[in-house]
Amino acid sequence: MPEIHIRRATRSDAELLTELGARTFVETFGADNSEDNMAAYLPMAFNTAQQSSELSDPRKSTFVAEIDEVAVGYAMLMSGEAAPEINGEKPIELVRLYVSKDCIGSGVGAALMQACLDEAASQDYQTIWLGVWENNLRAQAFYRKWEFVEVGMHVFQLGDDPQRDLLMQRAL
């Protein structure tokens, strides 16, 4: 198995995350959503200006997973106000955790999750939480393996489709 390297993203990664983010989002959700809704969401969420802004935001920590110096996944933590359903102390949100389709099951997701848990704990957060699409059963199973439990739901707007996300949390 190739070695997975996790590094903190920098502002110079904006173009990389634009491409990687859009590609992994399509790989994960494209088959289950309309082309129109994907076309409405992708340019808004995955453009270089948006990625630059996110990488410059002091509330966000982004990590890139690489194998042989090729980016194969990424994750983002964000501090700030938690969803009302989150009941753990001092929470931080796991906003994104995406892995290239050809690397799913290779340990990349686990390496990114561990990096996020370590980062959150190093900043003295006590709870980590996330939203996961109710139809993304593979991701739900992954998060349950990491001891996340469901505590509520919220709506994620994808184009004109209001989708249900399960809210999950775990103690750190």
C-alpha atoms as a PDB file:
ATOM      1  CA  MET A   1       0.000   0.000   0.000  1.00  0.00           C
ATOM      2  CA  PRO A   2       1.442   3.410  -0.934  1.00  0.00           C
ATOM      3  CA  GLU A   3       2.300   5.887   1.781  1.00  0.00           C
ATOM      4  CA  ILE A   4      -0.310   8.555   2.475  1.00  0.00           C
ATOM      5  CA  HIS A   5       1.042  11.996   3.312  1.00  0.00           C
ATOM      6  CA  ILE A   6      -1.251  14.527   5.029  1.00  0.00           C
ATOM      7  CA  ARG A   7      -0.292  18.176   4.881  1.00  0.00           C
ATOM      8  CA  ARG A   8      -1.925  21.451   5.838  1.00  0.00           C
ATOM      9  CA  ALA A   9      -3.235  23.306   2.793  1.00  0.00           C
ATOM     10  CA  THR A  10      -1.929  26.799   2.061  1.00  0.00           C
ATOM     11  CA  ARG A  11      -3.291  29.678  -0.016  1.00  0.00           C
ATOM     12  CA  SER A  12      -1.270  28.399  -2.964  1.00  0.00           C
ATOM     13  CA  ASP A  13      -3.550  25.311  -2.997  1.00  0.00           C
ATOM     14  CA  ALA A  14      -6.630  27.239  -4.170  1.00  0.00           C
ATOM     15  CA  GLU A  15      -6.475  25.929  -7.749  1.00  0.00           C
ATOM     16  CA  LEU A  16      -5.702  22.408  -6.565  1.00  0.00           C
ATOM     17  CA  LEU A  17      -8.701  22.423  -4.201  1.00  0.00           C
ATOM     18  CA  THR A  18     -10.931  23.909  -6.891  1.00  0.00           C
ATOM     19  CA  GLU A  19     -10.202  20.943  -9.160  1.00  0.00           C
ATOM     20  CA  LEU A  20     -10.036  18.279  -6.443  1.00  0.00           C
ATOM     21  CA  GLY A  21     -13.134  19.586  -4.691  1.00  0.00           C
ATOM     22  CA  ALA A  22     -15.261  19.704  -7.830  1.00  0.00           C
ATOM     23  CA  ARG A  23     -14.036  16.306  -9.037  1.00  0.00           C
ATOM     24  CA  THR A  24     -14.604  14.491  -5.756  1.00  0.00           C
ATOM     25  CA  PHE A  25     -18.006  16.164  -5.294  1.00  0.00           C
ATOM     26  CA  VAL A  26     -19.094  14.940  -8.739  1.00  0.00           C
ATOM     27  CA  GLU A  27     -17.666  11.469  -8.060  1.00  0.00           C
ATOM     28  CA  THR A  28     -19.583  11.313  -4.784  1.00  0.00           C
ATOM     29  CA  PHE A  29     -22.910  12.893  -5.749  1.00  0.00           C
ATOM     30  CA  GLY A  30     -23.103  13.235  -9.529  1.00  0.00           C
ATOM     31  CA  ALA A  31     -24.896   9.964 -10.258  1.00  0.00           C
ATOM     32  CA  ASP A  32     -27.625  10.683  -7.673  1.00  0.00           C
ATOM     33  CA  ASN A  33     -28.404  14.295  -8.603  1.00  0.00           C
ATOM     34  CA  SER A  34     -29.573  16.144 -11.693  1.00  0.00           C
ATOM     35  CA  GLU A  35     -27.063  17.741 -14.025  1.00  0.00           C
ATOM     36  CA  ASP A  36     -28.858  21.072 -13.539  1.00  0.00           C
ATOM     37  CA  ASN A  37     -28.462  20.981  -9.750  1.00  0.00           C
ATOM     38  CA  MET A  38     -24.829  19.943 -10.005  1.00  0.00           C
ATOM     39  CA  ALA A  39     -24.214  22.700 -12.572  1.00  0.00           C
ATOM     40  CA  ALA A  40     -25.823  25.250 -10.242  1.00  0.00           C
ATOM     41  CA  TYR A  41     -23.775  24.216  -7.209  1.00  0.00           C
ATOM     42  CA  LEU A  42     -20.304  23.401  -8.518  1.00  0.00           C
ATOM     43  CA  PRO A  43     -19.243  26.813  -9.916  1.00  0.00           C
ATOM     44  CA  MET A  44     -20.430  28.516  -6.725  1.00  0.00           C
ATOM     45  CA  ALA A  45     -18.643  26.163  -4.318  1.00  0.00           C
ATOM     46  CA  PHE A  46     -15.556  25.205  -6.295  1.00  0.00           C
ATOM     47  CA  ASN A  47     -13.948  28.214  -7.890  1.00  0.00           C
ATOM     48  CA  THR A  48     -10.515  29.635  -7.213  1.00  0.00           C
ATOM     49  CA  ALA A  49     -11.804  32.790  -5.506  1.00  0.00           C
ATOM     50  CA  GLN A  50     -13.982  30.745  -3.130  1.00  0.00           C
ATOM     51  CA  GLN A  51     -11.152  28.349  -2.347  1.00  0.00           C
ATOM     52  CA  SER A  52      -8.734  31.256  -1.763  1.00  0.00           C
ATOM     53  CA  SER A  53     -11.238  32.814   0.608  1.00  0.00           C
ATOM     54  CA  GLU A  54     -11.674  29.564   2.520  1.00  0.00           C
ATOM     55  CA  LEU A  55      -7.924  29.014   2.743  1.00  0.00           C
ATOM     56  CA  SER A  56      -7.488  32.550   4.121  1.00  0.00           C
ATOM     57  CA  ASP A  57     -10.233  32.161   6.731  1.00  0.00           C
ATOM     58  CA  PRO A  58      -8.622  31.815  10.198  1.00  0.00           C
ATOM     59  CA  ARG A  59     -11.623  29.759  11.369  1.00  0.00           C
ATOM     60  CA  LYS A  60     -10.836  27.023   8.832  1.00  0.00           C
ATOM     61  CA  SER A  61      -8.133  24.375   8.734  1.00  0.00           C
ATOM     62  CA  THR A  62      -7.786  22.391   5.515  1.00  0.00           C
ATOM     63  CA  PHE A  63      -5.731  19.246   5.013  1.00  0.00           C
ATOM     64  CA  VAL A  64      -4.674  17.608   1.747  1.00  0.00           C
ATOM     65  CA  ALA A  65      -3.940  13.887   1.409  1.00  0.00           C
ATOM     66  CA  GLU A  66      -1.284  12.947  -1.124  1.00  0.00           C
ATOM     67  CA  ILE A  67       0.043   9.694  -2.497  1.00  0.00           C
ATOM     68  CA  ASP A  68       3.265   9.988  -4.490  1.00  0.00           C
ATOM     69  CA  GLU A  69       2.843  13.801  -4.390  1.00  0.00           C
ATOM     70  CA  VAL A  70      -0.596  13.583  -6.063  1.00  0.00           C
ATOM     71  CA  ALA A  71      -3.565  15.038  -4.152  1.00  0.00           C
ATOM     72  CA  VAL A  72      -6.134  12.285  -3.577  1.00  0.00           C
ATOM     73  CA  GLY A  73      -8.359  13.792  -0.897  1.00  0.00           C
ATOM     74  CA  TYR A  74      -8.918  16.687   1.435  1.00  0.00           C
ATOM     75  CA  ALA A  75     -10.736  17.651   4.623  1.00  0.00           C
ATOM     76  CA  MET A  76     -11.744  20.930   6.241  1.00  0.00           C
ATOM     77  CA  LEU A  77     -12.510  21.880   9.838  1.00  0.00           C
ATOM     78  CA  MET A  78     -14.328  25.085  10.749  1.00  0.00           C
ATOM     79  CA  SER A  79     -14.772  26.694  14.141  1.00  0.00           C
ATOM     80  CA  GLY A  80     -17.767  28.855  14.895  1.00  0.00           C
ATOM     81  CA  GLU A  81     -21.393  28.458  15.787  1.00  0.00           C
ATOM     82  CA  ALA A  82     -22.655  24.877  15.750  1.00  0.00           C
ATOM     83  CA  ALA A  83     -26.044  23.701  14.527  1.00  0.00           C
ATOM     84  CA  PRO A  84     -28.612  23.877  17.360  1.00  0.00           C
ATOM     85  CA  GLU A  85     -28.881  20.075  17.503  1.00  0.00           C
ATOM     86  CA  ILE A  86     -25.210  19.687  18.425  1.00  0.00           C
ATOM     87  CA  ASN A  87     -25.177  19.117  22.176  1.00  0.00           C
ATOM     88  CA  GLY A  88     -21.506  18.327  22.845  1.00  0.00           C
ATOM     89  CA  GLU A  89     -19.247  20.782  24.622  1.00  0.00           C
ATOM     90  CA  LYS A  90     -16.959  23.134  22.658  1.00  0.00           C
ATOM     91  CA  PRO A  91     -17.770  21.873  19.135  1.00  0.00           C
ATOM     92  CA  ILE A  92     -15.920  22.214  15.827  1.00  0.00           C
ATOM     93  CA  GLU A  93     -17.375  21.241  12.459  1.00  0.00           C
ATOM     94  CA  LEU A  94     -15.887  18.784   9.996  1.00  0.00           C
ATOM     95  CA  VAL A  95     -17.126  20.670   6.941  1.00  0.00           C
ATOM     96  CA  ARG A  96     -15.674  18.415   4.238  1.00  0.00           C
ATOM     97  CA  LEU A  97     -13.937  15.089   3.904  1.00  0.00           C
ATOM     98  CA  TYR A  98     -13.629  13.872   0.324  1.00  0.00           C
ATOM     99  CA  VAL A  99     -11.465  11.189  -1.241  1.00  0.00           C
ATOM    100  CA  SER A 100     -10.880  10.492  -4.936  1.00  0.00           C
ATOM    101  CA  LYS A 101     -13.044   7.592  -6.060  1.00  0.00           C
ATOM    102  CA  ASP A 102     -10.058   5.408  -6.971  1.00  0.00           C
ATOM    103  CA  CYS A 103      -8.616   5.801  -3.454  1.00  0.00           C
ATOM    104  CA  ILE A 104     -11.731   4.957  -1.419  1.00  0.00           C
ATOM    105  CA  GLY A 105     -10.893   2.067   0.892  1.00  0.00           C
ATOM    106  CA  SER A 106      -7.151   2.731   0.751  1.00  0.00           C
ATOM    107  CA  GLY A 107      -6.851   4.480   4.124  1.00  0.00           C
ATOM    108  CA  VAL A 108      -6.926   8.042   2.776  1.00  0.00           C
ATOM    109  CA  GLY A 109     -10.218   8.857   4.493  1.00  0.00           C
ATOM    110  CA  ALA A 110      -8.951   7.415   7.775  1.00  0.00           C
ATOM    111  CA  ALA A 111      -5.729   9.422   7.539  1.00  0.00           C
ATOM    112  CA  LEU A 112      -7.683  12.619   6.894  1.00  0.00           C
ATOM    113  CA  MET A 113     -10.092  11.877   9.751  1.00  0.00           C
ATOM    114  CA  GLN A 114      -7.214  11.270  12.150  1.00  0.00           C
ATOM    115  CA  ALA A 115      -5.567  14.544  11.083  1.00  0.00           C
ATOM    116  CA  CYS A 116      -8.838  16.381  11.774  1.00  0.00           C
ATOM    117  CA  LEU A 117      -9.342  14.720  15.154  1.00  0.00           C
ATOM    118  CA  ASP A 118      -5.753  15.527  16.125  1.00  0.00           C
ATOM    119  CA  GLU A 119      -6.106  19.153  15.000  1.00  0.00           C
ATOM    120  CA  ALA A 120      -9.403  19.612  16.841  1.00  0.00           C
ATOM    121  CA  ALA A 121      -8.000  18.089  20.034  1.00  0.00           C
ATOM    122  CA  SER A 122      -4.847  20.237  19.796  1.00  0.00           C
ATOM    123  CA  GLN A 123      -7.107  23.315  19.791  1.00  0.00           C
ATOM    124  CA  ASP A 124      -8.946  22.022  22.892  1.00  0.00           C
ATOM    125  CA  TYR A 125     -12.239  21.309  21.139  1.00  0.00           C
ATOM    126  CA  GLN A 126     -14.272  18.653  22.905  1.00  0.00           C
ATOM    127  CA  THR A 127     -16.778  17.713  20.180  1.00  0.00           C
ATOM    128  CA  ILE A 128     -16.531  17.288  16.429  1.00  0.00           C
ATOM    129  CA  TRP A 129     -19.666  17.358  14.290  1.00  0.00           C
ATOM    130  CA  LEU A 130     -20.698  17.117  10.644  1.00  0.00           C
ATOM    131  CA  GLY A 131     -23.584  16.900   8.211  1.00  0.00           C
ATOM    132  CA  VAL A 132     -23.834  13.929   5.836  1.00  0.00           C
ATOM    133  CA  TRP A 133     -26.421  13.415   3.085  1.00  0.00           C
ATOM    134  CA  GLU A 134     -29.074  10.927   4.153  1.00  0.00           C
ATOM    135  CA  ASN A 135     -28.519   8.987   0.900  1.00  0.00           C
ATOM    136  CA  ASN A 136     -24.735   8.728   1.313  1.00  0.00           C
ATOM    137  CA  LEU A 137     -24.755   5.409   3.165  1.00  0.00           C
ATOM    138  CA  ARG A 138     -21.052   4.726   2.606  1.00  0.00           C
ATOM    139  CA  ALA A 139     -20.078   7.985   4.335  1.00  0.00           C
ATOM    140  CA  GLN A 140     -22.526   7.337   7.174  1.00  0.00           C
ATOM    141  CA  ALA A 141     -20.951   3.924   7.779  1.00  0.00           C
ATOM    142  CA  PHE A 142     -17.487   5.504   7.750  1.00  0.00           C
ATOM    143  CA  TYR A 143     -18.499   8.107  10.331  1.00  0.00           C
ATOM    144  CA  ARG A 144     -20.194   5.503  12.550  1.00  0.00           C
ATOM    145  CA  LYS A 145     -16.954   3.506  12.461  1.00  0.00           C
ATOM    146  CA  TRP A 146     -15.299   6.633  13.871  1.00  0.00           C
ATOM    147  CA  GLU A 147     -17.926   6.711  16.675  1.00  0.00           C
ATOM    148  CA  PHE A 148     -20.067   9.541  15.319  1.00  0.00           C
ATOM    149  CA  VAL A 149     -23.728   9.341  16.354  1.00  0.00           C
ATOM    150  CA  GLU A 150     -26.759  10.950  14.749  1.00  0.00           C
ATOM    151  CA  VAL A 151     -28.194  13.911  16.681  1.00  0.00           C
ATOM    152  CA  GLY A 152     -30.465  15.666  14.178  1.00  0.00           C
ATOM    153  CA  MET A 153     -30.824  16.866  10.618  1.00  0.00           C
ATOM    154  CA  HIS A 154     -30.620  20.008   8.513  1.00  0.00           C
ATOM    155  CA  VAL A 155     -31.216  21.006   4.909  1.00  0.00           C
ATOM    156  CA  PHE A 156     -28.402  21.256   2.372  1.00  0.00           C
ATOM    157  CA  GLN A 157     -29.474  23.152  -0.742  1.00  0.00           C
ATOM    158  CA  LEU A 158     -28.120  21.622  -3.959  1.00  0.00           C
ATOM    159  CA  GLY A 159     -29.373  23.806  -6.780  1.00  0.00           C
ATOM    160  CA  ASP A 160     -33.168  23.731  -6.463  1.00  0.00           C
ATOM    161  CA  ASP A 161     -33.150  20.496  -4.436  1.00  0.00           C
ATOM    162  CA  PRO A 162     -33.397  20.847  -0.634  1.00  0.00           C
ATOM    163  CA  GLN A 163     -31.658  17.707   0.648  1.00  0.00           C
ATOM    164  CA  ARG A 164     -31.683  16.232   4.142  1.00  0.00           C
ATOM    165  CA  ASP A 165     -28.321  15.947   5.863  1.00  0.00           C
ATOM    166  CA  LEU A 166     -27.988  13.914   9.014  1.00  0.00           C
ATOM    167  CA  LEU A 167     -26.125  15.772  11.755  1.00  0.00           C
ATOM    168  CA  MET A 168     -23.614  13.579  13.567  1.00  0.00           C
ATOM    169  CA  GLN A 169     -21.205  14.269  16.400  1.00  0.00           C
ATOM    170  CA  ARG A 170     -18.651  12.559  18.602  1.00  0.00           C
ATOM    171  CA  ALA A 171     -16.628  13.494  21.638  1.00  0.00           C
ATOM    172  CA  LEU A 172     -12.916  14.156  21.277  1.00  0.00           C
END
